[in-house]
Amino acid sequence: MKTDSLTLDSSLSRRSMLRRLGGACATAALAACVPGAAAGAARQLDVYSWPNYFSPGDLRAYAQKSGVTPNVSTYDSNETLFARLNSAAGAGYDVVIPSSSWISQLARRGLLQPIDHGRLNIGALDPKLMNRVYDPGNRYSIPKDWGLLGVLYDPDATGGDIATWEDFFRAGERPGVSGKVRLSVSGWETIGPELWLQGKDWNTADAAAIRAAAGRLKGFAKHVKSFSVLDPNAVANGSIVLAQTHQSAARAAIALNPKLRWAVPGPLSELWVDNYAIAANAPHLDQAYDFLAYQLRPEVQISETRYLGFPAALSDLRAKLGADVPNADLIFGGRNLDFSRLTSFVVNPQTIGVYLQMQTEIQAAAG
């Protein structure tokens, strides 16, 4: 899959995982899967989303309930979403699904409209996912689902468990691990761990601090095999033995090789949230709210979690998911995930270019 300069790696790799795990049909071809859909039918609800990001069964049920077939078109990066909404071509969209890192940027440009909370049941959503730094008060976004930046590893190769990012870096230098390490393709995800070890915030660090933290990564790069999207098979068969990745890829790899482990290292790590938002000029506003109200139903959120393998935003979702889901704890980041140790990246025009340039230099240092 092509990755452009600003692409949020956790986003692309997880969508790649959704395609790997499969689904009844691609959302781009939804009209072929929903009863009553027909080519050229009037567009009463236009959704712009990541690929394969809604359960086809839930979309069919919504179409049957409402009489409106969602017309879902797709993008492969937040940058594509931003560019489309910022052009004349974006005027027809109703519901969009931006990642947490881009909410403030989209809102600042006037590309999203404030959400009327009175029209939605948000009281059932997990408060830990609400009112976060990228959208205080959830003025422009409602959480859809979420994931984490963690570490997947073979404990036999790493010499034991990984509890901190310092453990991660030291493990990567070990014989048998060096040369079999995977890092993110996003500068903020590769450099962030070193900033956190220094007690710094990746959202407020200045250019000098980002460059200084990148220095360690340039030295570490000689141990790195890949900055590409992670293939769970590569970790399961030992081609990669230490990898930054999200819980869905980890869960897929552990299903193939149960001796593998996954952890969210301290002192901090990333929480990303994908969000429902309403485009500034949404032409079918009432239908947009009707669709969001449906998607926020508890039974739909449970169904979406089972389909996607990423947790929806419903409170106490783990207890409601059912005992038949394999490795369900991994979907939620493990049994003892501490949300106070999670931070969400927010694109800052003042420093994003520094992260991009440092990532280029880090990858060049890997040879």
Protein backbone atom coordinates (compact mmCIF):
# COMPACT_ATOMS: atom_id res chain seq x y z
CA MET A 1 0.00 0.00 0.00
CA LYS A 2 1.28 3.45 -0.86
CA THR A 3 2.12 5.63 2.14
CA ASP A 4 2.32 9.38 1.59
CA SER A 5 4.39 11.88 3.52
CA LEU A 6 2.03 12.67 6.36
CA THR A 7 0.29 9.33 6.66
CA LEU A 8 -0.50 8.20 10.19
CA ASP A 9 1.06 4.74 10.22
CA SER A 10 -1.18 3.26 12.88
CA SER A 11 -4.16 4.20 10.72
CA LEU A 12 -2.92 2.67 7.50
CA SER A 13 -1.57 -0.48 9.08
CA ARG A 14 -4.82 -1.13 10.91
CA ARG A 15 -6.85 -0.69 7.72
CA SER A 16 -4.48 -3.07 6.04
CA MET A 17 -5.22 -5.46 8.89
CA LEU A 18 -8.97 -5.10 8.36
CA ARG A 19 -8.52 -6.12 4.74
CA ARG A 20 -6.35 -9.06 5.89
CA LEU A 21 -8.99 -10.20 8.39
CA GLY A 22 -11.61 -9.79 5.70
CA GLY A 23 -15.26 -8.88 5.50
CA ALA A 24 -18.35 -9.65 3.48
CA CYS A 25 -17.67 -6.81 1.08
CA ALA A 26 -15.65 -3.64 0.71
CA THR A 27 -17.43 -0.50 1.79
CA ALA A 28 -16.57 1.06 -1.56
CA ALA A 29 -18.80 -1.58 -3.14
CA LEU A 30 -21.53 -1.35 -0.53
CA ALA A 31 -24.27 -0.77 -3.09
CA ALA A 32 -23.76 -4.29 -4.34
CA CYS A 33 -24.23 -5.69 -0.83
CA VAL A 34 -27.19 -3.70 0.51
CA PRO A 35 -30.70 -4.71 -0.56
CA GLY A 36 -32.42 -2.01 -2.51
CA ALA A 37 -29.22 -0.24 -3.56
CA ALA A 38 -28.98 0.59 -7.24
CA ALA A 39 -26.53 2.36 -9.45
CA GLY A 40 -27.53 5.95 -9.96
CA ALA A 41 -29.87 5.98 -6.94
CA ALA A 42 -30.33 9.34 -5.22
CA ARG A 43 -27.67 9.93 -2.59
CA GLN A 44 -29.47 10.54 0.66
CA LEU A 45 -26.51 9.79 2.91
CA ASP A 46 -22.89 10.13 1.79
CA VAL A 47 -20.18 8.70 4.04
CA TYR A 48 -16.45 9.19 3.45
CA SER A 49 -14.49 6.56 5.35
CA TRP A 50 -11.50 4.28 5.60
CA PRO A 51 -11.97 1.04 3.61
CA ASN A 52 -13.86 -1.85 5.22
CA TYR A 53 -14.62 0.22 8.29
CA PHE A 54 -18.27 -0.68 8.86
CA SER A 55 -19.85 -4.10 9.28
CA PRO A 56 -21.76 -4.84 6.05
CA GLY A 57 -24.42 -6.54 8.16
CA ASP A 58 -24.97 -3.40 10.23
CA LEU A 59 -25.12 -1.25 7.11
CA ARG A 60 -27.71 -3.57 5.58
CA ALA A 61 -29.73 -3.41 8.79
CA TYR A 62 -29.59 0.39 8.76
CA ALA A 63 -30.73 0.48 5.13
CA GLN A 64 -33.65 -1.81 5.93
CA LYS A 65 -34.59 0.23 9.01
CA SER A 66 -34.32 3.69 7.47
CA GLY A 67 -34.98 3.06 3.81
CA VAL A 68 -31.74 4.91 3.07
CA THR A 69 -28.73 3.08 1.70
CA PRO A 70 -25.50 4.74 2.86
CA ASN A 71 -23.29 5.61 -0.07
CA VAL A 72 -19.79 4.89 1.26
CA SER A 73 -16.71 6.09 -0.59
CA THR A 74 -13.23 5.56 0.79
CA TYR A 75 -9.81 7.12 1.29
CA ASP A 76 -6.48 5.69 2.43
CA SER A 77 -5.10 8.51 4.58
CA ASN A 78 -6.14 11.47 6.68
CA GLU A 79 -4.29 13.66 4.20
CA THR A 80 -6.58 12.49 1.40
CA LEU A 81 -9.61 13.22 3.58
CA PHE A 82 -8.26 16.67 4.39
CA ALA A 83 -7.55 17.50 0.75
CA ARG A 84 -10.96 16.31 -0.43
CA LEU A 85 -12.92 18.22 2.22
CA ASN A 86 -10.81 21.29 1.45
CA SER A 87 -11.85 21.19 -2.21
CA ALA A 88 -15.06 21.60 -4.19
CA ALA A 89 -15.21 17.80 -4.48
CA GLY A 90 -15.86 17.53 -0.75
CA ALA A 91 -19.12 19.46 -0.74
CA GLY A 92 -21.37 16.40 -0.95
CA TYR A 93 -20.21 14.43 2.09
CA ASP A 94 -22.30 14.07 5.23
CA VAL A 95 -20.39 11.81 7.66
CA VAL A 96 -16.59 11.50 7.69
CA ILE A 97 -14.24 9.41 9.87
CA PRO A 98 -11.06 11.37 10.70
CA SER A 99 -8.41 10.18 13.15
CA SER A 100 -7.81 11.99 16.41
CA SER A 101 -4.57 13.53 15.18
CA TRP A 102 -6.42 15.50 12.48
CA ILE A 103 -9.61 16.68 14.21
CA SER A 104 -8.25 20.03 15.34
CA GLN A 105 -6.70 20.73 11.94
CA LEU A 106 -9.94 19.95 10.11
CA ALA A 107 -11.98 22.03 12.55
CA ARG A 108 -9.54 24.95 12.35
CA ARG A 109 -10.01 25.02 8.59
CA GLY A 110 -13.80 25.08 8.95
CA LEU A 111 -14.20 21.64 7.36
CA LEU A 112 -16.28 20.14 10.19
CA GLN A 113 -19.42 21.45 11.85
CA PRO A 114 -20.11 21.40 15.59
CA ILE A 115 -22.07 18.35 16.67
CA ASP A 116 -25.42 18.76 18.41
CA HIS A 117 -24.98 16.37 21.34
CA GLY A 118 -28.69 16.61 22.09
CA ARG A 119 -29.42 14.60 18.95
CA LEU A 120 -27.22 11.66 19.96
CA ASN A 121 -26.99 9.27 22.90
CA ILE A 122 -23.43 9.90 23.99
CA GLY A 123 -24.12 9.16 27.65
CA ALA A 124 -23.35 5.48 27.06
CA LEU A 125 -19.86 6.19 25.71
CA ASP A 126 -16.69 5.53 27.69
CA PRO A 127 -15.72 8.79 29.43
CA LYS A 128 -12.03 7.89 29.01
CA LEU A 129 -12.48 8.42 25.26
CA MET A 130 -14.29 11.73 25.62
CA ASN A 131 -13.02 15.30 26.08
CA ARG A 132 -9.49 14.50 24.96
CA VAL A 133 -6.84 16.99 23.94
CA TYR A 134 -7.55 16.82 20.21
CA ASP A 135 -11.20 17.92 20.67
CA PRO A 136 -12.08 19.36 24.11
CA GLY A 137 -15.74 18.83 24.86
CA ASN A 138 -16.10 16.70 21.72
CA ARG A 139 -17.34 19.74 19.87
CA TYR A 140 -16.53 18.28 16.44
CA SER A 141 -16.16 14.53 16.98
CA ILE A 142 -17.69 11.46 18.60
CA PRO A 143 -15.38 8.47 19.14
CA LYS A 144 -15.98 5.51 16.83
CA ASP A 145 -13.22 3.09 17.83
CA TRP A 146 -9.70 3.20 19.18
CA GLY A 147 -6.29 1.56 19.25
CA LEU A 148 -2.85 1.74 20.79
CA LEU A 149 0.82 1.95 19.96
CA GLY A 150 2.33 -1.11 21.59
CA VAL A 151 5.12 -3.62 21.16
CA LEU A 152 4.82 -7.16 19.82
CA TYR A 153 7.78 -9.38 20.68
CA ASP A 154 9.23 -12.85 21.09
CA PRO A 155 10.28 -13.05 24.77
CA ASP A 156 12.82 -15.78 24.03
CA ALA A 157 14.65 -13.42 21.68
CA THR A 158 14.28 -10.25 23.77
CA GLY A 159 15.39 -11.92 26.99
CA GLY A 160 12.13 -11.36 28.84
CA ASP A 161 9.23 -8.96 29.04
CA ILE A 162 9.13 -5.38 27.78
CA ALA A 163 7.62 -2.94 30.25
CA THR A 164 9.14 0.38 29.12
CA TRP A 165 10.36 2.00 25.94
CA GLU A 166 13.87 1.76 27.36
CA ASP A 167 13.37 -2.02 27.49
CA PHE A 168 12.29 -1.83 23.85
CA PHE A 169 15.41 0.01 22.71
CA ARG A 170 17.76 -2.23 24.72
CA ALA A 171 16.03 -5.37 23.43
CA GLY A 172 16.49 -4.16 19.86
CA GLU A 173 20.25 -4.08 20.33
CA ARG A 174 20.48 -7.71 21.43
CA PRO A 175 22.02 -10.39 19.21
CA GLY A 176 19.20 -12.28 17.60
CA VAL A 177 16.96 -9.22 17.73
CA SER A 178 19.13 -6.65 15.96
CA GLY A 179 18.19 -6.64 12.29
CA LYS A 180 14.73 -8.04 13.06
CA VAL A 181 13.07 -4.92 14.42
CA ARG A 182 10.08 -3.08 12.93
CA LEU A 183 9.46 0.64 13.56
CA SER A 184 6.61 2.87 12.47
CA VAL A 185 6.75 4.88 9.25
CA SER A 186 5.46 7.93 11.17
CA GLY A 187 8.01 10.27 12.68
CA TRP A 188 5.92 10.99 15.76
CA GLU A 189 5.58 7.27 16.52
CA THR A 190 9.28 6.51 16.11
CA ILE A 191 10.50 9.62 17.98
CA GLY A 192 7.68 9.78 20.54
CA PRO A 193 9.03 6.97 22.77
CA GLU A 194 12.35 8.76 23.26
CA LEU A 195 10.56 12.04 24.04
CA TRP A 196 8.44 10.22 26.61
CA LEU A 197 11.53 8.69 28.20
CA GLN A 198 12.87 12.24 28.53
CA GLY A 199 9.63 13.34 30.23
CA LYS A 200 8.53 15.43 27.23
CA ASP A 201 5.17 15.82 25.51
CA TRP A 202 5.25 14.99 21.79
CA ASN A 203 2.59 17.63 21.18
CA THR A 204 4.45 20.49 22.87
CA ALA A 205 8.08 19.55 22.20
CA ASP A 206 9.82 22.19 20.12
CA ALA A 207 11.85 21.55 17.00
CA ALA A 208 15.14 21.32 18.91
CA ALA A 209 13.74 18.70 21.31
CA ILE A 210 12.34 16.64 18.44
CA ARG A 211 15.66 16.72 16.59
CA ALA A 212 17.56 15.78 19.74
CA ALA A 213 15.27 12.82 20.44
CA ALA A 214 15.61 11.72 16.83
CA GLY A 215 19.35 11.43 17.39
CA ARG A 216 18.86 8.27 19.43
CA LEU A 217 16.64 6.81 16.75
CA LYS A 218 19.25 7.47 14.08
CA GLY A 219 21.70 5.45 16.16
CA PHE A 220 19.11 2.73 16.74
CA ALA A 221 18.20 2.55 13.05
CA LYS A 222 21.03 0.11 12.28
CA HIS A 223 19.03 -2.53 14.17
CA VAL A 224 15.84 -1.95 12.15
CA LYS A 225 14.77 -4.26 9.34
CA SER A 226 11.53 -2.60 8.36
CA PHE A 227 9.57 0.63 8.57
CA SER A 228 6.75 -0.87 6.50
CA VAL A 229 3.26 -2.00 7.48
CA LEU A 230 3.60 -5.04 9.72
CA ASP A 231 2.69 -8.47 8.40
CA PRO A 232 1.66 -10.65 11.39
CA ASN A 233 3.12 -13.67 9.57
CA ALA A 234 6.56 -12.07 9.69
CA VAL A 235 6.48 -11.98 13.49
CA ALA A 236 4.88 -15.40 13.78
CA ASN A 237 7.67 -16.99 11.70
CA GLY A 238 10.53 -15.04 13.33
CA SER A 239 11.49 -12.74 10.45
CA ILE A 240 10.60 -9.90 12.81
CA VAL A 241 10.96 -10.49 16.56
CA LEU A 242 10.33 -6.98 17.92
CA ALA A 243 7.81 -4.56 16.46
CA GLN A 244 5.93 -1.37 17.18
CA THR A 245 2.33 -2.12 16.27
CA HIS A 246 -1.31 -1.94 17.35
CA GLN A 247 -3.33 -4.56 19.18
CA SER A 248 -5.11 -5.93 16.11
CA ALA A 249 -1.88 -6.93 14.36
CA ALA A 250 -0.59 -8.31 17.65
CA ARG A 251 -3.73 -10.38 18.14
CA ALA A 252 -3.44 -11.79 14.61
CA ALA A 253 0.23 -12.72 15.13
CA ILE A 254 -0.39 -14.30 18.55
CA ALA A 255 -3.15 -16.42 17.02
CA LEU A 256 -0.47 -17.81 14.69
CA ASN A 257 2.25 -18.12 17.34
CA PRO A 258 0.96 -18.16 20.95
CA LYS A 259 4.40 -17.69 22.53
CA LEU A 260 4.48 -14.09 21.27
CA ARG A 261 3.59 -11.27 23.67
CA TRP A 262 2.29 -7.73 23.32
CA ALA A 263 2.65 -4.81 25.71
CA VAL A 264 1.96 -1.09 25.93
CA PRO A 265 5.29 0.26 27.27
CA GLY A 266 5.71 3.09 29.75
CA PRO A 267 6.07 5.79 30.75
CA LEU A 268 3.60 6.79 28.01
CA SER A 269 2.26 5.44 24.76
CA GLU A 270 -0.20 6.45 22.06
CA LEU A 271 -3.98 6.25 22.08
CA TRP A 272 -5.44 6.89 18.63
CA VAL A 273 -9.17 7.35 18.19
CA ASP A 274 -11.09 7.31 14.94
CA ASN A 275 -14.13 9.53 15.08
CA TYR A 276 -17.51 10.19 13.60
CA ALA A 277 -17.69 13.78 12.38
CA ILE A 278 -20.10 15.76 10.22
CA ALA A 279 -18.79 17.67 7.23
CA ALA A 280 -19.26 21.44 7.39
CA ASN A 281 -21.61 21.54 4.41
CA ALA A 282 -23.35 18.20 4.89
CA PRO A 283 -26.33 18.24 2.49
CA HIS A 284 -28.29 15.53 4.32
CA LEU A 285 -27.89 16.66 7.91
CA ASP A 286 -30.93 14.96 9.42
CA GLN A 287 -29.95 11.66 7.79
CA ALA A 288 -26.41 12.06 9.10
CA TYR A 289 -27.69 12.35 12.66
CA ASP A 290 -30.02 9.41 12.14
CA PHE A 291 -27.11 7.27 10.94
CA LEU A 292 -24.87 8.31 13.84
CA ALA A 293 -27.64 7.59 16.33
CA TYR A 294 -27.94 4.10 14.84
CA GLN A 295 -24.17 3.48 14.93
CA LEU A 296 -24.05 4.53 18.60
CA ARG A 297 -26.64 1.94 19.65
CA PRO A 298 -25.01 -0.49 22.12
CA GLU A 299 -25.92 -3.56 20.09
CA VAL A 300 -24.41 -2.03 16.95
CA GLN A 301 -21.20 -1.06 18.74
CA ILE A 302 -20.84 -4.61 20.02
CA SER A 303 -21.39 -5.95 16.50
CA GLU A 304 -18.89 -3.47 15.03
CA THR A 305 -16.24 -4.49 17.57
CA ARG A 306 -16.66 -8.15 16.74
CA TYR A 307 -16.37 -7.37 13.02
CA LEU A 308 -13.44 -4.92 13.12
CA GLY A 309 -11.35 -6.26 16.00
CA PHE A 310 -10.95 -2.73 17.38
CA PRO A 311 -13.05 -1.62 20.36
CA ALA A 312 -15.94 0.75 19.84
CA ALA A 313 -16.49 3.55 22.35
CA LEU A 314 -19.27 1.93 24.40
CA SER A 315 -18.69 1.91 28.17
CA ASP A 316 -18.02 -1.53 29.71
CA LEU A 317 -17.77 -2.97 26.22
CA ARG A 318 -15.43 -5.79 27.25
CA ALA A 319 -18.02 -7.26 29.61
CA LYS A 320 -20.68 -7.02 26.91
CA LEU A 321 -18.67 -8.55 24.09
CA GLY A 322 -19.26 -12.22 24.89
CA ALA A 323 -17.05 -15.12 25.84
CA ASP A 324 -16.78 -16.55 22.32
CA VAL A 325 -14.34 -13.92 20.98
CA PRO A 326 -10.78 -15.33 20.96
CA ASN A 327 -8.09 -13.30 22.76
CA ALA A 328 -10.69 -10.64 23.52
CA ASP A 329 -8.53 -8.97 26.16
CA LEU A 330 -6.02 -8.05 23.46
CA ILE A 331 -8.70 -6.09 21.61
CA PHE A 332 -8.78 -3.79 24.63
CA GLY A 333 -5.02 -3.53 25.15
CA GLY A 334 -4.84 -6.15 27.88
CA ARG A 335 -6.55 -6.53 31.24
CA ASN A 336 -4.76 -3.74 33.08
CA LEU A 337 -4.49 -0.95 30.52
CA ASP A 338 -3.93 2.40 32.25
CA PHE A 339 -5.52 5.20 30.23
CA SER A 340 -3.68 7.81 32.30
CA ARG A 341 -0.48 6.65 30.57
CA LEU A 342 -1.86 7.21 27.07
CA THR A 343 -1.50 10.32 24.92
CA SER A 344 -2.98 11.25 21.53
CA PHE A 345 -0.94 12.94 18.82
CA VAL A 346 -2.27 16.21 17.39
CA VAL A 347 -0.90 17.52 14.10
CA ASN A 348 0.81 20.86 14.79
CA PRO A 349 1.71 22.94 11.71
CA GLN A 350 4.69 24.36 13.65
CA THR A 351 6.43 21.00 14.15
CA ILE A 352 4.94 18.43 11.79
CA GLY A 353 7.59 19.19 9.18
CA VAL A 354 10.33 18.45 11.72
CA TYR A 355 8.85 15.04 12.50
CA LEU A 356 8.67 14.27 8.78
CA GLN A 357 12.24 15.35 8.11
CA MET A 358 13.60 13.41 11.09
CA GLN A 359 11.76 10.28 9.99
CA THR A 360 13.39 10.58 6.56
CA GLU A 361 16.80 10.83 8.20
CA ILE A 362 16.10 7.92 10.56
CA GLN A 363 15.09 5.67 7.69
CA ALA A 364 18.18 6.76 5.71
CA ALA A 365 20.34 5.82 8.70
CA ALA A 366 18.92 2.29 8.59
CA GLY A 367 20.47 1.84 5.17
